Amino acid sequence: MLCDRKRGLGGDGVYFVADHGDGTARAWFYDPDGSEALPCGNGMRCAGRILLDRHRAESVVVHQGPYSFTVRDRGRTPHGVRQVSVELPAVDFAPAEPIVAEAGAHGEYADRLLPAFHPSRHVTAVAVPNSHLITVIDAYDEAELVKTGRRVAGSPDVFPIGANLSFVLPLADDEVFVHTYERGAGLTPSCGSGIAASRAVLSRLGLIEPERPATVRNPGGVARSFLQPVGDIWQPVLEGNATLVYETELDPAVLPGSGPVTYAGPAHMAEIGAFAELSRENMKVLHEAGIHPTEA
């Protein structure tokens, strides 16, 4: 109900957060289909921003399941868009639960042709910690992304734990376009963990040095991401907007109903306007590059 853009507020998922009051919190994330999900990078930035503001802090730590996320305040862009970074768990190219069945437990599946996935695309599997399939492309085809994403979702024999799918199109030395088809949500304007996974794969394939920040564009906005080497592992850092749009109080008793829900609360028009300006500039860059995705 909350995620329904016609009957609810609209969104790609819901975070529930228990604030411990000491600079830490515990969080739970649910996909629009009601299933509890692994961490969401964009959602974690948003949840973290609320905590940062509540405690007037420069950083907070949010726990979700066995994972911990450090969220930091990164000021505002020249447009006035609030920026927040989140340090995600280490990327894993050889997870215990294989993303591609033939890789097996702790087996790596990198830059390989998989006919069940696509007849000509090479794919890399990575956990961040949710499972992702990444393919680097030379031209963007949204219909192909949706078709392939649905194929992944409908092939549990090949992809036993399911996976999000991202197409990555290099735009410049340190700039890429990423669009993600998420399991449980479908095509989304922006997927934070998809950005982090794509950034990790770019370094795994030798296209960008790990510690070099890359600008990542998608239909929903602009982010930056790089990898922090910690021993022999990479920890992705994702930085982007965390924009306040609307505040309200809800009675959980009304949510199971089938009719529209009325919300009363303030809208943050200044933040909405600043982000809209940034979004227009981002979409202009994409259009000039010949990319015409479904807009957020």
Protein backbone atom coordinates (compact mmCIF):
# COMPACT_ATOMS: atom_id res chain seq x y z
CA MET A 1 0.00 0.00 0.00
CA LEU A 2 2.68 2.53 0.97
CA CYS A 3 4.67 1.83 -2.20
CA ASP A 4 1.66 1.98 -4.54
CA ARG A 5 2.14 5.17 -6.55
CA LYS A 6 -1.60 5.35 -7.32
CA ARG A 7 -3.05 4.63 -3.87
CA GLY A 8 -0.14 5.33 -1.55
CA LEU A 9 2.80 7.67 -1.17
CA GLY A 10 4.74 5.70 -3.78
CA GLY A 11 8.18 4.18 -3.50
CA ASP A 12 10.49 1.28 -4.29
CA GLY A 13 10.40 -0.11 -0.76
CA VAL A 14 9.90 0.77 2.92
CA TYR A 15 12.46 1.03 5.72
CA PHE A 16 11.37 0.60 9.33
CA VAL A 17 13.92 2.05 11.75
CA ALA A 18 14.34 1.62 15.51
CA ASP A 19 16.42 4.55 16.78
CA HIS A 20 18.53 3.54 19.78
CA GLY A 21 19.22 7.18 20.64
CA ASP A 22 22.99 6.72 20.91
CA GLY A 23 24.03 7.28 17.30
CA THR A 24 23.05 3.76 16.30
CA ALA A 25 19.84 2.22 14.99
CA ARG A 26 18.43 -1.06 13.67
CA ALA A 27 16.53 -1.22 10.40
CA TRP A 28 14.35 -3.59 8.37
CA PHE A 29 13.62 -3.20 4.65
CA TYR A 30 10.62 -4.48 2.66
CA ASP A 31 10.15 -4.59 -1.10
CA PRO A 32 6.90 -3.30 -2.68
CA ASP A 33 5.61 -6.88 -2.91
CA GLY A 34 5.74 -7.14 0.90
CA SER A 35 8.76 -9.43 1.14
CA GLU A 36 11.50 -8.61 3.64
CA ALA A 37 14.63 -7.80 1.68
CA LEU A 38 18.36 -7.39 2.06
CA PRO A 39 19.77 -3.87 2.48
CA CYS A 40 18.89 -1.12 0.02
CA GLY A 41 21.71 1.39 -0.57
CA ASN A 42 19.46 4.31 -1.51
CA GLY A 43 17.01 3.52 1.27
CA MET A 44 19.83 3.30 3.79
CA ARG A 45 20.99 6.79 2.81
CA CYS A 46 17.46 8.10 3.33
CA ALA A 47 17.02 6.35 6.67
CA GLY A 48 20.45 7.59 7.71
CA ARG A 49 19.63 11.16 6.74
CA ILE A 50 16.60 11.12 9.08
CA LEU A 51 18.83 9.92 11.92
CA LEU A 52 21.56 12.45 11.11
CA ASP A 53 19.03 15.28 11.29
CA ARG A 54 17.34 13.96 14.41
CA HIS A 55 20.63 13.82 16.32
CA ARG A 56 22.38 16.71 14.52
CA ALA A 57 25.21 14.28 13.90
CA GLU A 58 27.93 14.00 11.26
CA SER A 59 27.67 10.20 11.18
CA VAL A 60 25.48 7.37 12.44
CA VAL A 61 25.68 3.58 12.32
CA VAL A 62 22.66 1.58 11.17
CA HIS A 63 22.45 -2.19 11.65
CA GLN A 64 20.38 -4.42 9.39
CA GLY A 65 20.54 -8.14 9.96
CA PRO A 66 24.23 -9.08 10.37
CA TYR A 67 25.42 -5.95 8.55
CA SER A 68 26.46 -2.50 9.78
CA PHE A 69 26.37 0.69 7.72
CA THR A 70 28.12 3.96 8.50
CA VAL A 71 26.12 6.89 7.12
CA ARG A 72 27.78 10.32 6.86
CA ASP A 73 26.56 13.84 6.15
CA ARG A 74 28.19 15.19 2.95
CA GLY A 75 26.66 18.67 2.84
CA ARG A 76 24.77 20.01 -0.17
CA THR A 77 25.40 20.40 -3.88
CA PRO A 78 25.47 23.87 -5.50
CA HIS A 79 21.78 23.22 -6.29
CA GLY A 80 21.08 22.81 -2.57
CA VAL A 81 20.56 19.04 -2.75
CA ARG A 82 21.46 17.28 0.51
CA GLN A 83 24.16 14.63 0.06
CA VAL A 84 24.70 11.58 2.26
CA SER A 85 27.20 8.73 1.93
CA VAL A 86 26.88 5.16 3.13
CA GLU A 87 29.63 2.59 3.58
CA LEU A 88 28.26 -0.73 2.41
CA PRO A 89 29.44 -4.25 3.35
CA ALA A 90 32.39 -5.65 1.42
CA VAL A 91 31.64 -6.86 -2.09
CA ASP A 92 31.83 -10.62 -2.60
CA PHE A 93 32.56 -12.07 -6.04
CA ALA A 94 32.49 -15.64 -4.67
CA PRO A 95 29.57 -15.81 -2.23
CA ALA A 96 28.72 -18.93 -0.25
CA GLU A 97 25.28 -18.96 -1.85
CA PRO A 98 25.99 -18.95 -5.60
CA ILE A 99 24.20 -16.30 -7.65
CA VAL A 100 24.77 -18.36 -10.80
CA ALA A 101 24.16 -22.05 -10.10
CA GLU A 102 27.07 -23.38 -12.14
CA ALA A 103 29.55 -21.26 -10.16
CA GLY A 104 28.93 -23.35 -7.04
CA ALA A 105 29.56 -22.26 -3.45
CA HIS A 106 32.41 -19.74 -3.21
CA GLY A 107 32.87 -19.89 -6.97
CA GLU A 108 33.49 -16.70 -8.95
CA TYR A 109 31.46 -15.92 -12.06
CA ALA A 110 33.12 -12.96 -13.79
CA ASP A 111 32.83 -11.64 -17.34
CA ARG A 112 31.43 -14.88 -18.71
CA LEU A 113 28.96 -15.67 -21.46
CA LEU A 114 25.83 -17.36 -20.10
CA PRO A 115 23.33 -18.35 -22.82
CA ALA A 116 20.51 -18.75 -20.29
CA PHE A 117 21.07 -15.11 -19.38
CA HIS A 118 21.63 -13.65 -22.84
CA PRO A 119 22.95 -15.08 -26.12
CA SER A 120 25.75 -12.52 -26.47
CA ARG A 121 26.15 -10.54 -23.22
CA HIS A 122 28.93 -11.26 -20.75
CA VAL A 123 27.85 -11.14 -17.12
CA THR A 124 29.53 -10.82 -13.72
CA ALA A 125 27.87 -11.91 -10.46
CA VAL A 126 28.53 -10.05 -7.20
CA ALA A 127 26.96 -9.81 -3.74
CA VAL A 128 26.85 -6.42 -1.95
CA PRO A 129 25.40 -8.26 0.10
CA ASN A 130 22.23 -8.70 -2.01
CA SER A 131 22.85 -10.53 -5.25
CA HIS A 132 23.49 -8.68 -8.51
CA LEU A 133 24.24 -9.53 -12.12
CA ILE A 134 26.16 -6.85 -14.00
CA THR A 135 26.73 -6.57 -17.73
CA VAL A 136 28.68 -3.79 -19.47
CA ILE A 137 27.00 -2.63 -22.68
CA ASP A 138 27.87 -0.37 -25.61
CA ALA A 139 24.31 0.89 -26.26
CA TYR A 140 21.30 1.14 -23.97
CA ASP A 141 18.14 -0.83 -24.78
CA GLU A 142 15.53 -0.58 -22.02
CA ALA A 143 13.29 -3.26 -23.51
CA GLU A 144 16.23 -5.67 -23.48
CA LEU A 145 16.95 -4.84 -19.83
CA VAL A 146 13.35 -5.58 -18.82
CA LYS A 147 13.19 -8.76 -20.89
CA THR A 148 16.48 -10.05 -19.48
CA GLY A 149 15.54 -9.07 -15.92
CA ARG A 150 12.31 -11.04 -16.22
CA ARG A 151 14.26 -14.00 -17.61
CA VAL A 152 16.53 -13.92 -14.55
CA ALA A 153 13.52 -13.77 -12.21
CA GLY A 154 11.90 -16.71 -13.99
CA SER A 155 14.96 -18.98 -14.02
CA PRO A 156 15.54 -20.25 -10.46
CA ASP A 157 17.38 -23.28 -11.82
CA VAL A 158 20.06 -20.95 -13.24
CA PHE A 159 19.86 -18.17 -10.62
CA PRO A 160 18.88 -20.07 -7.45
CA ILE A 161 18.68 -17.12 -5.04
CA GLY A 162 17.47 -14.56 -7.57
CA ALA A 163 19.33 -11.41 -8.52
CA ASN A 164 18.98 -7.78 -9.49
CA LEU A 165 20.21 -7.01 -12.99
CA SER A 166 22.08 -3.86 -14.04
CA PHE A 167 23.14 -2.68 -17.48
CA VAL A 168 26.24 -0.45 -17.30
CA LEU A 169 27.08 1.94 -20.14
CA PRO A 170 30.43 3.82 -19.92
CA LEU A 171 30.04 7.53 -20.76
CA ALA A 172 33.55 8.83 -20.00
CA ASP A 173 36.69 7.72 -18.15
CA ASP A 174 35.07 8.15 -14.72
CA GLU A 175 31.40 8.32 -15.63
CA VAL A 176 28.81 5.63 -16.39
CA PHE A 177 25.08 5.16 -16.83
CA VAL A 178 23.50 2.38 -14.76
CA HIS A 179 19.92 1.12 -14.91
CA THR A 180 18.68 -1.74 -12.74
CA TYR A 181 15.87 -4.26 -12.94
CA GLU A 182 15.23 -5.24 -9.31
CA ARG A 183 13.73 -8.50 -8.16
CA GLY A 184 10.50 -7.75 -6.33
CA ALA A 185 10.28 -4.24 -7.78
CA GLY A 186 11.02 -4.39 -11.52
CA LEU A 187 12.63 -1.51 -13.40
CA THR A 188 13.58 1.19 -10.89
CA PRO A 189 14.76 4.80 -11.38
CA SER A 190 17.76 4.21 -9.12
CA CYS A 191 19.18 1.25 -7.20
CA GLY A 192 21.90 2.08 -4.67
CA SER A 193 23.21 -1.45 -4.26
CA GLY A 194 23.10 -1.78 -8.06
CA ILE A 195 25.33 1.29 -8.32
CA ALA A 196 27.76 -0.18 -5.77
CA ALA A 197 27.75 -3.57 -7.50
CA SER A 198 28.31 -1.96 -10.91
CA ARG A 199 31.15 0.15 -9.52
CA ALA A 200 32.81 -2.97 -8.08
CA VAL A 201 32.52 -4.83 -11.37
CA LEU A 202 34.10 -1.92 -13.27
CA SER A 203 37.19 -2.33 -11.07
CA ARG A 204 37.05 -6.14 -11.23
CA LEU A 205 37.20 -5.84 -15.03
CA GLY A 206 40.07 -3.33 -14.83
CA LEU A 207 38.11 -0.39 -16.23
CA ILE A 208 38.46 2.00 -13.23
CA GLU A 209 40.90 1.95 -10.31
CA PRO A 210 39.10 0.94 -7.08
CA GLU A 211 39.74 4.13 -5.08
CA ARG A 212 38.88 6.44 -7.96
CA PRO A 213 35.44 8.08 -7.49
CA ALA A 214 33.13 7.50 -10.43
CA THR A 215 30.05 9.52 -11.33
CA VAL A 216 27.08 7.21 -11.82
CA ARG A 217 24.00 8.47 -13.65
CA ASN A 218 20.63 6.77 -13.77
CA PRO A 219 17.07 7.90 -14.51
CA GLY A 220 16.55 8.81 -10.85
CA GLY A 221 19.57 11.05 -10.37
CA VAL A 222 23.34 11.21 -9.97
CA ALA A 223 25.57 9.43 -7.45
CA ARG A 224 29.27 8.91 -6.80
CA SER A 225 30.87 5.64 -5.80
CA PHE A 226 34.31 4.25 -5.08
CA LEU A 227 35.85 1.26 -3.32
CA GLN A 228 37.81 1.36 -0.06
CA PRO A 229 40.44 -1.42 0.06
CA VAL A 230 40.34 -3.07 3.49
CA GLY A 231 43.00 -5.74 3.49
CA ASP A 232 42.21 -7.93 0.50
CA ILE A 233 38.55 -6.88 0.22
CA TRP A 234 36.73 -3.89 -1.27
CA GLN A 235 34.18 -1.89 0.69
CA PRO A 236 31.96 0.22 -1.58
CA VAL A 237 31.04 3.77 -0.65
CA LEU A 238 27.91 5.27 -2.18
CA GLU A 239 27.26 9.02 -2.08
CA GLY A 240 24.16 10.74 -3.38
CA ASN A 241 21.09 12.72 -2.51
CA ALA A 242 18.78 12.02 0.44
CA THR A 243 15.94 14.44 -0.23
CA LEU A 244 13.06 15.08 2.16
CA VAL A 245 9.83 15.01 0.16
CA TYR A 246 6.96 14.53 2.59
CA GLU A 247 6.25 13.85 6.25
CA THR A 248 3.14 12.28 7.72
CA GLU A 249 1.86 10.03 10.48
CA LEU A 250 0.08 6.80 9.60
CA ASP A 251 -2.34 4.54 11.39
CA PRO A 252 -1.18 1.00 10.51
CA ALA A 253 -4.78 -0.17 10.85
CA VAL A 254 -5.77 1.58 7.61
CA LEU A 255 -3.00 0.11 5.45
CA PRO A 256 -4.58 -3.28 4.70
CA GLY A 257 -7.62 -1.54 3.15
CA SER A 258 -8.23 -1.59 -0.59
CA GLY A 259 -9.11 2.07 -1.07
CA PRO A 260 -6.90 5.17 -1.36
CA VAL A 261 -5.31 6.42 1.84
CA THR A 262 -5.38 10.11 2.73
CA TYR A 263 -2.14 11.55 4.10
CA ALA A 264 -1.79 14.84 5.92
CA GLY A 265 1.59 16.45 6.49
CA PRO A 266 4.11 18.98 5.19
CA ALA A 267 5.79 18.69 1.81
CA HIS A 268 9.39 19.94 1.59
CA MET A 269 9.03 22.10 -1.50
CA ALA A 270 12.50 23.71 -1.35
CA GLU A 271 14.22 20.32 -1.30
CA ILE A 272 11.89 18.98 -3.99
CA GLY A 273 12.68 21.98 -6.21
CA ALA A 274 16.44 21.68 -5.73
CA PHE A 275 16.40 18.01 -6.62
CA ALA A 276 14.14 18.66 -9.63
CA GLU A 277 16.73 21.08 -11.02
CA LEU A 278 19.50 18.52 -10.55
CA SER A 279 17.33 15.86 -12.20
CA ARG A 280 16.67 18.04 -15.23
CA GLU A 281 20.39 18.58 -15.72
CA ASN A 282 21.04 14.84 -15.33
CA MET A 283 18.38 13.92 -17.88
CA LYS A 284 19.77 16.49 -20.31
CA VAL A 285 23.20 14.83 -20.09
CA LEU A 286 21.64 11.41 -20.70
CA HIS A 287 19.62 12.61 -23.69
CA GLU A 288 22.71 14.23 -25.21
CA ALA A 289 24.45 10.85 -24.85
CA GLY A 290 21.62 9.19 -26.77
CA ILE A 291 20.08 7.57 -23.68
CA HIS A 292 16.31 7.93 -23.32
CA PRO A 293 15.26 5.85 -20.30
CA THR A 294 11.89 5.78 -18.65
CA GLU A 295 12.09 8.80 -16.36
CA ALA A 296 11.62 8.69 -12.61
